[in-house]
């Protein structure tokens, strides 16, 4: 089976991965060949077996931060809610009270994927999706600051 990504090195010594179908290129951010080969293998594995890659990512995250597997979107929302003030806070709290958001807030970040449906059988509205993406974008920043609430403080 042919790999989806190919490895090549530019004249500056940096390694790149090239998509064999679209031709797009992405820097691997290294000049070391062994590191580049490992990164390329990971990209090819992720393309061939996305479900396995997702589980591996969760395992790595749980090893780095054991509480990762216990957190829900409600924990993320609680931390983000504390950063808002005024009318922005009011709008965000109104969003958190909505039916689609309540369903989302019970899920763990690792459980949510674009193909998932909410338990009600409906797909999320566009506003809920936008808020979800904003919440997801802030996860890394929040985790690096270690500002997560305790389990008792979650919604």
N, C-alpha and C. Protein backbone atom coordinates (compact mmCIF):
# COMPACT_ATOMS: atom_id res chain seq x y z
N UNK A 1 0.84 -1.18 0.00
CA UNK A 1 0.00 0.00 0.00
C UNK A 1 0.88 1.24 0.00
N UNK A 2 0.57 2.19 -0.85
CA UNK A 2 1.36 3.41 -0.97
C UNK A 2 1.01 4.37 0.17
N UNK A 3 2.05 5.00 0.74
CA UNK A 3 1.84 5.98 1.80
C UNK A 3 1.18 7.23 1.27
N UNK A 4 0.38 7.86 2.11
CA UNK A 4 -0.32 9.08 1.73
C UNK A 4 0.63 10.27 1.71
N UNK A 5 1.61 10.27 2.61
CA UNK A 5 2.58 11.37 2.69
C UNK A 5 3.97 10.87 2.31
N UNK A 6 4.71 11.75 1.63
CA UNK A 6 6.10 11.44 1.26
C UNK A 6 7.03 12.44 1.94
N UNK A 7 8.21 11.97 2.24
CA UNK A 7 9.20 12.79 2.93
C UNK A 7 10.19 13.36 1.93
N UNK A 8 10.52 14.63 2.08
CA UNK A 8 11.60 15.20 1.30
C UNK A 8 12.27 16.30 2.08
N UNK A 9 13.50 16.62 1.69
CA UNK A 9 14.30 17.63 2.37
C UNK A 9 14.58 18.77 1.41
N UNK A 10 14.39 19.99 1.90
CA UNK A 10 14.70 21.17 1.09
C UNK A 10 16.18 21.51 1.23
N UNK A 11 16.63 22.44 0.41
CA UNK A 11 18.04 22.80 0.40
C UNK A 11 18.50 23.42 1.73
N UNK A 12 17.57 23.96 2.51
CA UNK A 12 17.93 24.53 3.81
C UNK A 12 18.08 23.46 4.89
N UNK A 13 17.83 22.20 4.54
CA UNK A 13 17.99 21.09 5.48
C UNK A 13 16.72 20.69 6.19
N UNK A 14 15.65 21.46 6.06
CA UNK A 14 14.38 21.15 6.74
C UNK A 14 13.65 20.04 6.00
N UNK A 15 13.00 19.17 6.78
CA UNK A 15 12.22 18.09 6.19
C UNK A 15 10.76 18.51 6.06
N UNK A 16 10.14 18.02 4.99
CA UNK A 16 8.74 18.34 4.69
C UNK A 16 7.99 17.06 4.36
N UNK A 17 6.69 17.09 4.62
CA UNK A 17 5.80 16.00 4.22
C UNK A 17 4.95 16.51 3.07
N UNK A 18 4.89 15.73 2.00
CA UNK A 18 4.09 16.11 0.84
C UNK A 18 2.94 15.13 0.69
N UNK A 19 1.73 15.68 0.59
CA UNK A 19 0.53 14.89 0.37
C UNK A 19 0.58 14.35 -1.05
N UNK A 20 0.54 13.03 -1.20
CA UNK A 20 0.68 12.43 -2.53
C UNK A 20 -0.55 12.66 -3.41
N UNK A 21 -1.70 12.99 -2.80
CA UNK A 21 -2.90 13.22 -3.60
C UNK A 21 -3.07 14.68 -3.99
N UNK A 22 -2.96 15.57 -3.02
CA UNK A 22 -3.18 16.99 -3.32
C UNK A 22 -1.91 17.73 -3.68
N UNK A 23 -0.77 17.18 -3.30
CA UNK A 23 0.50 17.85 -3.58
C UNK A 23 0.87 18.92 -2.56
N UNK A 24 0.01 19.15 -1.58
CA UNK A 24 0.32 20.17 -0.57
C UNK A 24 1.49 19.71 0.29
N UNK A 25 2.24 20.69 0.77
CA UNK A 25 3.43 20.40 1.57
C UNK A 25 3.29 21.02 2.95
N UNK A 26 3.87 20.34 3.92
CA UNK A 26 3.83 20.82 5.30
C UNK A 26 5.19 20.57 5.94
N UNK A 27 5.73 21.59 6.59
CA UNK A 27 7.00 21.44 7.27
C UNK A 27 6.85 20.52 8.46
N UNK A 28 7.82 19.65 8.66
CA UNK A 28 7.83 18.78 9.83
C UNK A 28 8.58 19.44 10.99
N UNK A 29 9.15 20.60 10.74
CA UNK A 29 9.79 21.38 11.79
C UNK A 29 11.06 20.78 12.35
N UNK A 30 11.76 19.99 11.57
CA UNK A 30 13.00 19.39 12.05
C UNK A 30 14.01 19.25 10.91
N UNK A 31 15.27 19.23 11.31
CA UNK A 31 16.34 18.98 10.35
C UNK A 31 16.96 17.60 10.57
N UNK A 32 16.45 16.88 11.57
CA UNK A 32 16.96 15.55 11.89
C UNK A 32 16.14 14.50 11.14
N UNK A 33 16.84 13.64 10.43
CA UNK A 33 16.15 12.68 9.58
C UNK A 33 15.33 11.67 10.38
N UNK A 34 15.86 11.16 11.49
CA UNK A 34 15.12 10.17 12.27
C UNK A 34 13.83 10.76 12.83
N UNK A 35 13.88 12.00 13.33
CA UNK A 35 12.68 12.66 13.83
C UNK A 35 11.67 12.85 12.70
N UNK A 36 12.15 13.26 11.54
CA UNK A 36 11.28 13.49 10.40
C UNK A 36 10.60 12.18 9.97
N UNK A 37 11.34 11.08 9.97
CA UNK A 37 10.77 9.79 9.59
C UNK A 37 9.68 9.35 10.58
N UNK A 38 9.91 9.59 11.88
CA UNK A 38 8.90 9.25 12.89
C UNK A 38 7.65 10.09 12.71
N UNK A 39 7.84 11.39 12.47
CA UNK A 39 6.69 12.27 12.26
C UNK A 39 5.91 11.88 11.01
N UNK A 40 6.63 11.55 9.95
CA UNK A 40 5.98 11.13 8.71
C UNK A 40 5.20 9.83 8.91
N UNK A 41 5.80 8.89 9.65
CA UNK A 41 5.11 7.63 9.93
C UNK A 41 3.84 7.88 10.73
N UNK A 42 3.91 8.80 11.69
CA UNK A 42 2.73 9.14 12.48
C UNK A 42 1.63 9.75 11.59
N UNK A 43 2.02 10.62 10.66
CA UNK A 43 1.04 11.21 9.75
C UNK A 43 0.39 10.14 8.87
N UNK A 44 1.19 9.23 8.36
CA UNK A 44 0.65 8.16 7.52
C UNK A 44 -0.26 7.23 8.33
N UNK A 45 0.14 6.90 9.57
CA UNK A 45 -0.70 6.06 10.43
C UNK A 45 -2.03 6.76 10.73
N UNK A 46 -1.96 8.06 11.01
CA UNK A 46 -3.17 8.81 11.31
C UNK A 46 -4.12 8.84 10.12
N UNK A 47 -3.56 8.91 8.93
CA UNK A 47 -4.39 8.91 7.73
C UNK A 47 -5.05 7.55 7.52
N UNK A 48 -4.29 6.47 7.75
CA UNK A 48 -4.80 5.12 7.50
C UNK A 48 -5.77 4.64 8.57
N UNK A 49 -5.52 5.02 9.85
CA UNK A 49 -6.33 4.53 10.95
C UNK A 49 -6.68 5.68 11.90
N UNK A 50 -7.60 6.54 11.51
CA UNK A 50 -7.90 7.71 12.35
C UNK A 50 -8.44 7.36 13.73
N UNK A 51 -9.21 6.29 13.86
CA UNK A 51 -9.75 5.92 15.17
C UNK A 51 -8.64 5.51 16.13
N UNK A 52 -7.68 4.78 15.63
CA UNK A 52 -6.55 4.37 16.46
C UNK A 52 -5.74 5.59 16.88
N UNK A 53 -5.55 6.53 15.97
CA UNK A 53 -4.79 7.74 16.28
C UNK A 53 -5.48 8.54 17.38
N UNK A 54 -6.78 8.59 17.33
CA UNK A 54 -7.54 9.31 18.36
C UNK A 54 -7.35 8.67 19.72
N UNK A 55 -7.39 7.35 19.78
CA UNK A 55 -7.20 6.64 21.04
C UNK A 55 -5.78 6.80 21.55
N UNK A 56 -4.81 6.78 20.66
CA UNK A 56 -3.41 7.00 21.07
C UNK A 56 -3.23 8.41 21.63
N UNK A 57 -3.85 9.38 20.99
CA UNK A 57 -3.76 10.76 21.47
C UNK A 57 -4.37 10.88 22.87
N UNK A 58 -5.51 10.24 23.09
CA UNK A 58 -6.13 10.27 24.42
C UNK A 58 -5.22 9.61 25.45
N UNK A 59 -4.57 8.52 25.07
CA UNK A 59 -3.67 7.84 26.00
C UNK A 59 -2.49 8.74 26.37
N UNK A 60 -1.91 9.41 25.38
CA UNK A 60 -0.80 10.33 25.66
C UNK A 60 -1.26 11.47 26.56
N UNK A 61 -2.42 12.04 26.29
CA UNK A 61 -2.92 13.15 27.09
C UNK A 61 -3.23 12.71 28.52
N UNK A 62 -3.76 11.50 28.68
CA UNK A 62 -4.05 11.01 30.03
C UNK A 62 -2.77 10.73 30.81
N UNK A 63 -1.72 10.33 30.13
CA UNK A 63 -0.44 10.14 30.81
C UNK A 63 0.15 11.47 31.25
N UNK A 64 0.01 12.49 30.42
CA UNK A 64 0.54 13.80 30.76
C UNK A 64 -0.28 14.45 31.86
N UNK A 65 -1.59 14.31 31.80
CA UNK A 65 -2.49 14.92 32.78
C UNK A 65 -3.59 13.92 33.11
N UNK A 66 -3.47 13.18 34.22
CA UNK A 66 -4.44 12.12 34.54
C UNK A 66 -5.89 12.60 34.63
N UNK A 67 -6.13 13.84 34.97
CA UNK A 67 -7.49 14.34 35.09
C UNK A 67 -8.13 14.62 33.74
N UNK A 68 -7.34 14.56 32.66
CA UNK A 68 -7.87 14.83 31.33
C UNK A 68 -9.05 13.91 31.01
N UNK A 69 -8.94 12.66 31.38
CA UNK A 69 -9.98 11.67 31.06
C UNK A 69 -11.26 11.89 31.85
N UNK A 70 -11.19 12.68 32.93
CA UNK A 70 -12.36 12.91 33.76
C UNK A 70 -13.09 14.20 33.39
N UNK A 71 -12.41 15.14 32.76
CA UNK A 71 -13.00 16.44 32.48
C UNK A 71 -14.08 16.35 31.42
N UNK A 72 -15.03 17.28 31.54
CA UNK A 72 -16.08 17.38 30.53
C UNK A 72 -16.02 18.78 29.93
N UNK A 73 -16.83 18.97 28.89
CA UNK A 73 -16.93 20.31 28.30
C UNK A 73 -17.48 21.30 29.33
N UNK A 74 -18.22 20.80 30.31
CA UNK A 74 -18.73 21.65 31.38
C UNK A 74 -17.59 22.26 32.19
N UNK A 75 -16.54 21.48 32.43
CA UNK A 75 -15.37 22.01 33.13
C UNK A 75 -14.70 23.12 32.31
N UNK A 76 -14.59 22.88 31.02
CA UNK A 76 -14.00 23.88 30.13
C UNK A 76 -14.86 25.15 30.14
N UNK A 77 -16.16 24.97 30.04
CA UNK A 77 -17.07 26.12 30.02
C UNK A 77 -16.99 26.91 31.33
N UNK A 78 -16.84 26.21 32.45
CA UNK A 78 -16.74 26.88 33.75
C UNK A 78 -15.51 27.78 33.80
N UNK A 79 -14.39 27.29 33.32
CA UNK A 79 -13.16 28.09 33.32
C UNK A 79 -13.29 29.27 32.38
N UNK A 80 -13.84 29.04 31.19
CA UNK A 80 -13.99 30.12 30.22
C UNK A 80 -14.99 31.16 30.72
N UNK A 81 -16.05 30.70 31.36
CA UNK A 81 -17.06 31.62 31.90
C UNK A 81 -16.43 32.58 32.91
N UNK A 82 -15.47 32.11 33.68
CA UNK A 82 -14.81 32.97 34.67
C UNK A 82 -13.95 34.06 34.03
N UNK A 83 -13.60 33.89 32.75
CA UNK A 83 -12.78 34.91 32.09
C UNK A 83 -13.62 36.02 31.46
N UNK A 84 -14.92 35.80 31.29
CA UNK A 84 -15.78 36.80 30.66
C UNK A 84 -16.34 37.77 31.70
N UNK A 85 -16.67 38.98 31.22
CA UNK A 85 -17.31 39.97 32.08
C UNK A 85 -18.43 40.65 31.30
N UNK A 86 -19.33 41.30 32.02
CA UNK A 86 -20.37 42.12 31.41
C UNK A 86 -21.32 41.35 30.51
N UNK A 87 -21.64 41.99 29.37
CA UNK A 87 -22.63 41.40 28.46
C UNK A 87 -22.11 40.12 27.81
N UNK A 88 -20.80 40.01 27.63
CA UNK A 88 -20.23 38.78 27.06
C UNK A 88 -20.50 37.61 27.99
N UNK A 89 -20.34 37.84 29.29
CA UNK A 89 -20.60 36.79 30.28
C UNK A 89 -22.08 36.39 30.26
N UNK A 90 -22.96 37.37 30.16
CA UNK A 90 -24.39 37.09 30.11
C UNK A 90 -24.75 36.25 28.88
N UNK A 91 -24.20 36.62 27.72
CA UNK A 91 -24.47 35.86 26.49
C UNK A 91 -23.95 34.44 26.60
N UNK A 92 -22.75 34.29 27.17
CA UNK A 92 -22.17 32.97 27.31
C UNK A 92 -22.99 32.12 28.27
N UNK A 93 -23.46 32.70 29.36
CA UNK A 93 -24.29 31.95 30.30
C UNK A 93 -25.63 31.57 29.67
N UNK A 94 -26.16 32.44 28.82
CA UNK A 94 -27.40 32.10 28.10
C UNK A 94 -27.15 30.91 27.17
N UNK A 95 -26.00 30.93 26.49
CA UNK A 95 -25.64 29.80 25.64
C UNK A 95 -25.53 28.52 26.46
N UNK A 96 -24.92 28.60 27.64
CA UNK A 96 -24.75 27.41 28.48
C UNK A 96 -26.08 26.83 28.95
N UNK A 97 -27.11 27.67 29.03
CA UNK A 97 -28.43 27.19 29.44
C UNK A 97 -29.23 26.57 28.29
N UNK A 98 -28.77 26.72 27.05
CA UNK A 98 -29.50 26.20 25.90
C UNK A 98 -29.48 24.67 25.90
N UNK A 99 -30.47 24.07 25.27
CA UNK A 99 -30.59 22.60 25.23
C UNK A 99 -29.39 21.95 24.52
N UNK A 100 -28.97 22.43 23.34
CA UNK A 100 -27.82 21.78 22.71
C UNK A 100 -26.56 21.88 23.56
N UNK A 101 -26.37 23.02 24.24
CA UNK A 101 -25.17 23.19 25.06
C UNK A 101 -25.20 22.26 26.26
N UNK A 102 -26.35 22.08 26.87
CA UNK A 102 -26.44 21.19 28.04
C UNK A 102 -26.03 19.77 27.66
N UNK A 103 -26.42 19.34 26.48
CA UNK A 103 -26.05 18.01 26.02
C UNK A 103 -24.55 17.94 25.77
N UNK A 104 -24.02 18.98 25.17
CA UNK A 104 -22.59 19.03 24.88
C UNK A 104 -21.76 19.07 26.16
N UNK A 105 -22.19 19.83 27.15
CA UNK A 105 -21.41 20.02 28.37
C UNK A 105 -21.25 18.74 29.17
N UNK A 106 -22.09 17.75 28.92
CA UNK A 106 -21.96 16.48 29.62
C UNK A 106 -20.90 15.57 29.00
N UNK A 107 -20.49 15.88 27.77
CA UNK A 107 -19.51 15.05 27.06
C UNK A 107 -18.09 15.42 27.47
N UNK A 108 -17.19 14.45 27.32
CA UNK A 108 -15.77 14.72 27.50
C UNK A 108 -15.21 15.22 26.18
N UNK A 109 -14.18 16.08 26.22
CA UNK A 109 -13.61 16.59 24.96
C UNK A 109 -13.18 15.48 24.01
N UNK A 110 -12.66 14.38 24.52
CA UNK A 110 -12.24 13.28 23.67
C UNK A 110 -13.38 12.54 23.01
N UNK A 111 -14.60 12.69 23.53
CA UNK A 111 -15.76 12.00 22.98
C UNK A 111 -16.37 12.75 21.81
N UNK A 112 -16.15 14.03 21.73
CA UNK A 112 -16.82 14.85 20.74
C UNK A 112 -16.07 14.83 19.42
N UNK A 113 -16.75 14.49 18.37
CA UNK A 113 -16.18 14.52 17.03
C UNK A 113 -17.24 15.07 16.09
N UNK A 114 -16.80 15.53 14.94
CA UNK A 114 -17.72 16.20 14.02
C UNK A 114 -18.85 15.28 13.58
N UNK A 115 -18.63 13.97 13.55
CA UNK A 115 -19.68 13.07 13.09
C UNK A 115 -20.63 12.66 14.21
N UNK A 116 -20.30 13.04 15.45
CA UNK A 116 -21.17 12.67 16.57
C UNK A 116 -22.50 13.40 16.50
N UNK A 117 -23.51 12.77 17.01
CA UNK A 117 -24.83 13.38 17.15
C UNK A 117 -25.09 13.53 18.64
N UNK A 118 -25.88 14.52 18.98
CA UNK A 118 -26.26 14.65 20.38
C UNK A 118 -27.27 13.57 20.72
N UNK A 119 -27.40 13.28 22.00
CA UNK A 119 -28.29 12.20 22.44
C UNK A 119 -29.72 12.41 22.00
N UNK A 120 -30.10 13.65 21.77
CA UNK A 120 -31.46 13.93 21.34
C UNK A 120 -31.70 13.51 19.89
N UNK A 121 -30.63 13.15 19.19
CA UNK A 121 -30.76 12.74 17.80
C UNK A 121 -30.64 13.89 16.83
N UNK A 122 -30.50 15.11 17.35
CA UNK A 122 -30.36 16.27 16.48
C UNK A 122 -28.90 16.67 16.38
N UNK A 123 -28.56 17.27 15.27
CA UNK A 123 -27.21 17.81 15.14
C UNK A 123 -27.18 19.18 15.80
N UNK A 124 -26.02 19.61 16.27
CA UNK A 124 -25.96 20.92 16.93
C UNK A 124 -26.17 22.05 15.94
N UNK A 125 -26.74 23.14 16.44
CA UNK A 125 -26.93 24.30 15.59
C UNK A 125 -25.58 24.97 15.34
N UNK A 126 -25.54 25.86 14.38
CA UNK A 126 -24.26 26.49 14.02
C UNK A 126 -23.68 27.30 15.17
N UNK A 127 -24.53 27.95 15.95
CA UNK A 127 -24.02 28.74 17.08
C UNK A 127 -23.35 27.83 18.10
N UNK A 128 -23.94 26.67 18.34
CA UNK A 128 -23.36 25.73 19.29
C UNK A 128 -22.03 25.20 18.77
N UNK A 129 -21.96 24.93 17.47
CA UNK A 129 -20.71 24.48 16.89
C UNK A 129 -19.63 25.54 17.03
N UNK A 130 -19.98 26.79 16.79
CA UNK A 130 -19.00 27.87 16.90
C UNK A 130 -18.48 27.97 18.34
N UNK A 131 -19.38 27.90 19.31
CA UNK A 131 -18.95 27.95 20.71
C UNK A 131 -18.08 26.74 21.05
N UNK A 132 -18.45 25.58 20.52
CA UNK A 132 -17.68 24.37 20.78
C UNK A 132 -16.26 24.52 20.26
N UNK A 133 -16.12 25.06 19.06
CA UNK A 133 -14.78 25.23 18.50
C UNK A 133 -13.98 26.24 19.30
N UNK A 134 -14.63 27.30 19.79
CA UNK A 134 -13.92 28.26 20.62
C UNK A 134 -13.47 27.62 21.92
N UNK A 135 -14.33 26.79 22.51
CA UNK A 135 -13.96 26.09 23.73
C UNK A 135 -12.77 25.16 23.48
N UNK A 136 -12.83 24.43 22.38
CA UNK A 136 -11.76 23.49 22.07
C UNK A 136 -10.44 24.21 21.83
N UNK A 137 -10.50 25.37 21.19
CA UNK A 137 -9.28 26.12 20.92
C UNK A 137 -8.62 26.59 22.20
N UNK A 138 -9.39 26.77 23.25
CA UNK A 138 -8.84 27.25 24.51
C UNK A 138 -8.36 26.13 25.43
N UNK A 139 -8.64 24.88 25.11
CA UNK A 139 -8.25 23.78 25.99
C UNK A 139 -6.75 23.77 26.24
N UNK A 140 -5.97 23.90 25.19
CA UNK A 140 -4.52 23.83 25.35
C UNK A 140 -4.02 24.96 26.23
N UNK A 141 -4.53 26.18 26.00
CA UNK A 141 -4.10 27.32 26.83
C UNK A 141 -4.47 27.09 28.29
N UNK A 142 -5.67 26.59 28.53
CA UNK A 142 -6.13 26.39 29.89
C UNK A 142 -5.33 25.29 30.58
N UNK A 143 -5.05 24.22 29.86
CA UNK A 143 -4.30 23.11 30.46
C UNK A 143 -2.88 23.55 30.79
N UNK A 144 -2.29 24.38 29.95
CA UNK A 144 -0.92 24.81 30.21
C UNK A 144 -0.84 25.74 31.40
N UNK A 145 -1.92 26.44 31.72
CA UNK A 145 -1.95 27.34 32.87
C UNK A 145 -2.34 26.62 34.15
N UNK A 146 -2.86 25.38 34.02
CA UNK A 146 -3.30 24.60 35.17
C UNK A 146 -4.38 25.33 35.97
N UNK A 147 -5.32 25.94 35.25
CA UNK A 147 -6.39 26.68 35.90
C UNK A 147 -7.69 25.89 35.94
N UNK A 148 -7.62 24.58 35.84
CA UNK A 148 -8.84 23.78 35.81
C UNK A 148 -9.50 23.80 37.16
N UNK A 149 -10.81 23.86 37.20
CA UNK A 149 -11.51 23.79 38.49
C UNK A 149 -11.47 22.39 39.05
N UNK A 150 -11.71 22.27 40.33
CA UNK A 150 -11.79 20.95 40.93
C UNK A 150 -13.05 20.27 40.44
N UNK A 151 -13.13 18.97 40.61
CA UNK A 151 -14.28 18.21 40.12
C UNK A 151 -15.58 18.70 40.76
N UNK A 152 -15.53 19.13 42.03
CA UNK A 152 -16.74 19.59 42.70
C UNK A 152 -17.25 20.92 42.15
N UNK A 153 -16.36 21.68 41.49
CA UNK A 153 -16.76 22.97 40.96
C UNK A 153 -17.35 22.88 39.56
N UNK A 154 -17.31 21.69 38.96
CA UNK A 154 -17.81 21.57 37.58
C UNK A 154 -19.33 21.62 37.57
N UNK A 155 -19.89 21.93 36.39
CA UNK A 155 -21.34 22.03 36.24
C UNK A 155 -21.93 20.69 35.97
